PDB file of all heavy atoms in Angstrom:
ATOM      1  N   ASP A   1      13.816   9.443   8.462  1.00  0.00           N
ATOM      2  CA  ASP A   1      14.815   9.591   7.412  1.00  0.00           C
ATOM      3  C   ASP A   1      14.133   9.573   6.048  1.00  0.00           C
ATOM      4  O   ASP A   1      13.770   8.514   5.540  1.00  0.00           O
ATOM      5  CB  ASP A   1      15.835   8.451   7.503  1.00  0.00           C
ATOM      6  CG  ASP A   1      16.920   8.524   6.432  1.00  0.00           C
ATOM      7  OD1 ASP A   1      16.948   9.514   5.670  1.00  0.00           O
ATOM      8  OD2 ASP A   1      17.728   7.590   6.357  1.00  0.00           O
ATOM      9  N   PRO A   2      13.955  10.730   5.409  1.00  0.00           N
ATOM     10  CA  PRO A   2      13.259  10.764   4.117  1.00  0.00           C
ATOM     11  C   PRO A   2      14.007  10.047   3.000  1.00  0.00           C
ATOM     12  O   PRO A   2      13.423   9.737   1.974  1.00  0.00           O
ATOM     13  CB  PRO A   2      13.126  12.264   3.813  1.00  0.00           C
ATOM     14  CG  PRO A   2      14.227  12.903   4.586  1.00  0.00           C
ATOM     15  CD  PRO A   2      14.434  12.052   5.813  1.00  0.00           C
ATOM     16  N   LYS A   3      15.292   9.775   3.186  1.00  0.00           N
ATOM     17  CA  LYS A   3      16.070   9.071   2.175  1.00  0.00           C
ATOM     18  C   LYS A   3      16.213   7.594   2.501  1.00  0.00           C
ATOM     19  O   LYS A   3      16.921   6.869   1.820  1.00  0.00           O
ATOM     20  CB  LYS A   3      17.458   9.694   2.058  1.00  0.00           C
ATOM     21  CG  LYS A   3      17.441  11.121   1.578  1.00  0.00           C
ATOM     22  CD  LYS A   3      18.845  11.667   1.522  1.00  0.00           C
ATOM     23  CE  LYS A   3      18.819  13.134   1.150  1.00  0.00           C
ATOM     24  NZ  LYS A   3      20.165  13.700   1.186  1.00  0.00           N
ATOM     25  N   GLY A   4      15.547   7.131   3.533  1.00  0.00           N
ATOM     26  CA  GLY A   4      15.697   5.756   3.985  1.00  0.00           C
ATOM     27  C   GLY A   4      14.929   4.768   3.135  1.00  0.00           C
ATOM     28  O   GLY A   4      14.499   5.058   2.021  1.00  0.00           O
ATOM     29  N   PHE A   5      14.741   3.588   3.681  1.00  0.00           N
ATOM     30  CA  PHE A   5      14.016   2.546   2.983  1.00  0.00           C
ATOM     31  C   PHE A   5      12.553   2.942   2.834  1.00  0.00           C
ATOM     32  O   PHE A   5      11.938   3.447   3.763  1.00  0.00           O
ATOM     33  CB  PHE A   5      14.083   1.230   3.765  1.00  0.00           C
ATOM     34  CG  PHE A   5      15.402   0.536   3.640  1.00  0.00           C
ATOM     35  CD1 PHE A   5      16.471   0.896   4.434  1.00  0.00           C
ATOM     36  CD2 PHE A   5      15.580  -0.479   2.718  1.00  0.00           C
ATOM     37  CE1 PHE A   5      17.686   0.255   4.316  1.00  0.00           C
ATOM     38  CE2 PHE A   5      16.791  -1.123   2.593  1.00  0.00           C
ATOM     39  CZ  PHE A   5      17.850  -0.753   3.395  1.00  0.00           C
ATOM     40  N   ASN A   6      11.981   2.727   1.690  1.00  0.00           N
ATOM     41  CA  ASN A   6      10.542   2.850   1.492  1.00  0.00           C
ATOM     42  C   ASN A   6      10.139   1.903   0.373  1.00  0.00           C
ATOM     43  O   ASN A   6      10.968   1.468  -0.407  1.00  0.00           O
ATOM     44  CB  ASN A   6      10.104   4.290   1.209  1.00  0.00           C
ATOM     45  CG  ASN A   6      10.516   4.784  -0.155  1.00  0.00           C
ATOM     46  OD1 ASN A   6      11.024   4.037  -0.975  1.00  0.00           O
ATOM     47  ND2 ASN A   6      10.307   6.050  -0.412  1.00  0.00           N
ATOM     48  N   SER A   7       8.890   1.550   0.360  1.00  0.00           N
ATOM     49  CA  SER A   7       8.353   0.660  -0.670  1.00  0.00           C
ATOM     50  C   SER A   7       7.018   1.224  -1.127  1.00  0.00           C
ATOM     51  O   SER A   7       6.296   1.839  -0.342  1.00  0.00           O
ATOM     52  CB  SER A   7       8.155  -0.757  -0.103  1.00  0.00           C
ATOM     53  OG  SER A   7       9.401  -1.309   0.260  1.00  0.00           O
ATOM     54  N   PRO A   8       6.660   1.009  -2.389  1.00  0.00           N
ATOM     55  CA  PRO A   8       5.417   1.566  -2.922  1.00  0.00           C
ATOM     56  C   PRO A   8       4.166   0.996  -2.246  1.00  0.00           C
ATOM     57  O   PRO A   8       4.066  -0.200  -1.991  1.00  0.00           O
ATOM     58  CB  PRO A   8       5.443   1.162  -4.399  1.00  0.00           C
ATOM     59  CG  PRO A   8       6.862   0.840  -4.700  1.00  0.00           C
ATOM     60  CD  PRO A   8       7.443   0.336  -3.419  1.00  0.00           C
ATOM     61  N   LEU A   9       3.228   1.877  -1.969  1.00  0.00           N
ATOM     62  CA  LEU A   9       1.934   1.517  -1.403  1.00  0.00           C
ATOM     63  C   LEU A   9       0.985   1.158  -2.542  1.00  0.00           C
ATOM     64  O   LEU A   9       0.978   1.818  -3.581  1.00  0.00           O
ATOM     65  CB  LEU A   9       1.366   2.702  -0.622  1.00  0.00           C
ATOM     66  CG  LEU A   9       0.015   2.520   0.028  1.00  0.00           C
ATOM     67  CD1 LEU A   9       0.140   1.552   1.208  1.00  0.00           C
ATOM     68  CD2 LEU A   9      -0.527   3.846   0.513  1.00  0.00           C
ATOM     69  N   VAL A  10       0.194   0.116  -2.341  1.00  0.00           N
ATOM     70  CA  VAL A  10      -0.789  -0.307  -3.327  1.00  0.00           C
ATOM     71  C   VAL A  10      -2.145  -0.341  -2.633  1.00  0.00           C
ATOM     72  O   VAL A  10      -2.303  -1.008  -1.610  1.00  0.00           O
ATOM     73  CB  VAL A  10      -0.453  -1.707  -3.901  1.00  0.00           C
ATOM     74  CG1 VAL A  10      -1.475  -2.120  -4.940  1.00  0.00           C
ATOM     75  CG2 VAL A  10       0.946  -1.731  -4.484  1.00  0.00           C
ATOM     76  N   ALA A  11      -3.118   0.404  -3.156  1.00  0.00           N
ATOM     77  CA  ALA A  11      -4.468   0.427  -2.596  1.00  0.00           C
ATOM     78  C   ALA A  11      -5.345  -0.511  -3.414  1.00  0.00           C
ATOM     79  O   ALA A  11      -5.624  -0.259  -4.577  1.00  0.00           O
ATOM     80  CB  ALA A  11      -5.034   1.840  -2.627  1.00  0.00           C
ATOM     81  N   VAL A  12      -5.764  -1.617  -2.794  1.00  0.00           N
ATOM     82  CA  VAL A  12      -6.548  -2.638  -3.481  1.00  0.00           C
ATOM     83  C   VAL A  12      -7.998  -2.546  -3.009  1.00  0.00           C
ATOM     84  O   VAL A  12      -8.265  -2.523  -1.814  1.00  0.00           O
ATOM     85  CB  VAL A  12      -5.983  -4.048  -3.178  1.00  0.00           C
ATOM     86  CG1 VAL A  12      -6.795  -5.114  -3.887  1.00  0.00           C
ATOM     87  CG2 VAL A  12      -4.519  -4.130  -3.582  1.00  0.00           C
ATOM     88  N   LYS A  13      -8.916  -2.496  -3.960  1.00  0.00           N
ATOM     89  CA  LYS A  13     -10.336  -2.444  -3.616  1.00  0.00           C
ATOM     90  C   LYS A  13     -10.831  -3.851  -3.279  1.00  0.00           C
ATOM     91  O   LYS A  13     -10.642  -4.785  -4.058  1.00  0.00           O
ATOM     92  CB  LYS A  13     -11.145  -1.865  -4.771  1.00  0.00           C
ATOM     93  CG  LYS A  13     -12.570  -1.584  -4.426  1.00  0.00           C
ATOM     94  CD  LYS A  13     -13.256  -0.853  -5.560  1.00  0.00           C
ATOM     95  CE  LYS A  13     -14.684  -0.531  -5.201  1.00  0.00           C
ATOM     96  NZ  LYS A  13     -15.348   0.196  -6.278  1.00  0.00           N
ATOM     97  N   LYS A  14     -11.448  -3.999  -2.091  1.00  0.00           N
ATOM     98  CA  LYS A  14     -11.968  -5.295  -1.665  1.00  0.00           C
ATOM     99  C   LYS A  14     -13.386  -5.489  -2.210  1.00  0.00           C
ATOM    100  O   LYS A  14     -14.011  -4.560  -2.712  1.00  0.00           O
ATOM    101  CB  LYS A  14     -11.964  -5.376  -0.135  1.00  0.00           C
ATOM    102  CG  LYS A  14     -10.565  -5.273   0.439  1.00  0.00           C
ATOM    103  CD  LYS A  14     -10.434  -5.602   1.907  1.00  0.00           C
ATOM    104  CE  LYS A  14     -11.407  -4.992   2.854  1.00  0.00           C
ATOM    105  NZ  LYS A  14     -11.080  -5.232   4.263  1.00  0.00           N
ATOM    106  N   LYS A  15     -13.893  -6.719  -2.105  1.00  0.00           N
ATOM    107  CA  LYS A  15     -15.223  -7.040  -2.630  1.00  0.00           C
ATOM    108  C   LYS A  15     -16.308  -6.165  -2.015  1.00  0.00           C
ATOM    109  O   LYS A  15     -17.292  -5.827  -2.670  1.00  0.00           O
ATOM    110  CB  LYS A  15     -15.559  -8.503  -2.375  1.00  0.00           C
ATOM    111  CG  LYS A  15     -14.797  -9.466  -3.249  1.00  0.00           C
ATOM    112  CD  LYS A  15     -15.210 -10.895  -2.980  1.00  0.00           C
ATOM    113  CE  LYS A  15     -14.418 -11.860  -3.836  1.00  0.00           C
ATOM    114  NZ  LYS A  15     -14.805 -13.259  -3.593  1.00  0.00           N
ATOM    115  N   ASP A  16     -16.136  -5.798  -0.722  1.00  0.00           N
ATOM    116  CA  ASP A  16     -17.156  -4.990  -0.053  1.00  0.00           C
ATOM    117  C   ASP A  16     -17.027  -3.496  -0.372  1.00  0.00           C
ATOM    118  O   ASP A  16     -17.767  -2.670   0.150  1.00  0.00           O
ATOM    119  CB  ASP A  16     -17.128  -5.218   1.460  1.00  0.00           C
ATOM    120  CG  ASP A  16     -15.860  -4.710   2.125  1.00  0.00           C
ATOM    121  OD1 ASP A  16     -14.993  -4.128   1.438  1.00  0.00           O
ATOM    122  OD2 ASP A  16     -15.730  -4.896   3.352  1.00  0.00           O
ATOM    123  N   GLY A  17     -16.059  -3.127  -1.227  1.00  0.00           N
ATOM    124  CA  GLY A  17     -15.892  -1.744  -1.635  1.00  0.00           C
ATOM    125  C   GLY A  17     -14.875  -0.976  -0.803  1.00  0.00           C
ATOM    126  O   GLY A  17     -14.483   0.127  -1.176  1.00  0.00           O
ATOM    127  N   SER A  18     -14.452  -1.522   0.323  1.00  0.00           N
ATOM    128  CA  SER A  18     -13.450  -0.849   1.145  1.00  0.00           C
ATOM    129  C   SER A  18     -12.060  -1.040   0.529  1.00  0.00           C
ATOM    130  O   SER A  18     -11.892  -1.764  -0.454  1.00  0.00           O
ATOM    131  CB  SER A  18     -13.487  -1.369   2.581  1.00  0.00           C
ATOM    132  OG  SER A  18     -13.156  -2.737   2.632  1.00  0.00           O
ATOM    133  N   ILE A  19     -11.080  -0.396   1.109  1.00  0.00           N
ATOM    134  CA  ILE A  19      -9.722  -0.414   0.572  1.00  0.00           C
ATOM    135  C   ILE A  19      -8.809  -1.229   1.486  1.00  0.00           C
ATOM    136  O   ILE A  19      -8.856  -1.113   2.698  1.00  0.00           O
ATOM    137  CB  ILE A  19      -9.166   1.032   0.466  1.00  0.00           C
ATOM    138  CG1 ILE A  19     -10.037   1.886  -0.443  1.00  0.00           C
ATOM    139  CG2 ILE A  19      -7.724   1.046  -0.001  1.00  0.00           C
ATOM    140  CD1 ILE A  19     -10.069   1.467  -1.880  1.00  0.00           C
ATOM    141  N   ARG A  20      -7.967  -2.052   0.875  1.00  0.00           N
ATOM    142  CA  ARG A  20      -6.913  -2.768   1.608  1.00  0.00           C
ATOM    143  C   ARG A  20      -5.585  -2.153   1.199  1.00  0.00           C
ATOM    144  O   ARG A  20      -5.299  -2.031   0.011  1.00  0.00           O
ATOM    145  CB  ARG A  20      -6.916  -4.251   1.257  1.00  0.00           C
ATOM    146  CG  ARG A  20      -5.726  -5.004   1.860  1.00  0.00           C
ATOM    147  CD  ARG A  20      -5.720  -6.482   1.518  1.00  0.00           C
ATOM    148  NE  ARG A  20      -6.819  -7.134   2.225  1.00  0.00           N
ATOM    149  CZ  ARG A  20      -7.799  -7.821   1.631  1.00  0.00           C
ATOM    150  NH1 ARG A  20      -7.816  -7.943   0.323  1.00  0.00           N
ATOM    151  NH2 ARG A  20      -8.743  -8.383   2.333  1.00  0.00           N
ATOM    152  N   LEU A  21      -4.799  -1.733   2.183  1.00  0.00           N
ATOM    153  CA  LEU A  21      -3.485  -1.181   1.891  1.00  0.00           C
ATOM    154  C   LEU A  21      -2.457  -2.297   1.888  1.00  0.00           C
ATOM    155  O   LEU A  21      -2.356  -3.062   2.838  1.00  0.00           O
ATOM    156  CB  LEU A  21      -3.107  -0.117   2.928  1.00  0.00           C
ATOM    157  CG  LEU A  21      -4.000   1.112   2.959  1.00  0.00           C
ATOM    158  CD1 LEU A  21      -3.475   2.122   3.973  1.00  0.00           C
ATOM    159  CD2 LEU A  21      -4.109   1.750   1.587  1.00  0.00           C
ATOM    160  N   CYS A  22      -1.707  -2.380   0.817  1.00  0.00           N
ATOM    161  CA  CYS A  22      -0.658  -3.384   0.661  1.00  0.00           C
ATOM    162  C   CYS A  22       0.636  -2.651   0.322  1.00  0.00           C
ATOM    163  O   CYS A  22       0.618  -1.516  -0.130  1.00  0.00           O
ATOM    164  CB  CYS A  22      -0.998  -4.353  -0.472  1.00  0.00           C
ATOM    165  SG  CYS A  22      -2.573  -5.188  -0.263  1.00  0.00           S
ATOM    166  N   VAL A  23       1.749  -3.321   0.553  1.00  0.00           N
ATOM    167  CA  VAL A  23       3.045  -2.741   0.231  1.00  0.00           C
ATOM    168  C   VAL A  23       3.759  -3.676  -0.737  1.00  0.00           C
ATOM    169  O   VAL A  23       3.789  -4.884  -0.540  1.00  0.00           O
ATOM    170  CB  VAL A  23       3.897  -2.545   1.505  1.00  0.00           C
ATOM    171  CG1 VAL A  23       5.235  -1.936   1.155  1.00  0.00           C
ATOM    172  CG2 VAL A  23       3.162  -1.674   2.510  1.00  0.00           C
ATOM    173  N   ASN A  24       4.318  -3.111  -1.798  1.00  0.00           N
ATOM    174  CA  ASN A  24       5.037  -3.887  -2.794  1.00  0.00           C
ATOM    175  C   ASN A  24       6.530  -3.868  -2.443  1.00  0.00           C
ATOM    176  O   ASN A  24       7.217  -2.875  -2.669  1.00  0.00           O
ATOM    177  CB  ASN A  24       4.806  -3.301  -4.181  1.00  0.00           C
ATOM    178  CG  ASN A  24       5.513  -4.075  -5.261  1.00  0.00           C
ATOM    179  OD1 ASN A  24       6.237  -5.020  -4.993  1.00  0.00           O
ATOM    180  ND2 ASN A  24       5.314  -3.664  -6.500  1.00  0.00           N
ATOM    181  N   PHE A  25       7.024  -4.970  -1.882  1.00  0.00           N
ATOM    182  CA  PHE A  25       8.424  -5.066  -1.483  1.00  0.00           C
ATOM    183  C   PHE A  25       9.318  -5.632  -2.586  1.00  0.00           C
ATOM    184  O   PHE A  25      10.500  -5.877  -2.360  1.00  0.00           O
ATOM    185  CB  PHE A  25       8.559  -5.939  -0.230  1.00  0.00           C
ATOM    186  CG  PHE A  25       7.970  -5.321   0.998  1.00  0.00           C
ATOM    187  CD1 PHE A  25       6.833  -5.858   1.580  1.00  0.00           C
ATOM    188  CD2 PHE A  25       8.545  -4.211   1.574  1.00  0.00           C
ATOM    189  CE1 PHE A  25       6.292  -5.294   2.724  1.00  0.00           C
ATOM    190  CE2 PHE A  25       8.017  -3.636   2.715  1.00  0.00           C
ATOM    191  CZ  PHE A  25       6.884  -4.176   3.291  1.00  0.00           C
TER     192      PHE A  25
END
């Protein structure tokens, strides 16, 4: 459902340089 619930994705850079995906609820 493209009109359903969604929350913004936040890409956080970790100390080792990789990315952690978080969701802002």
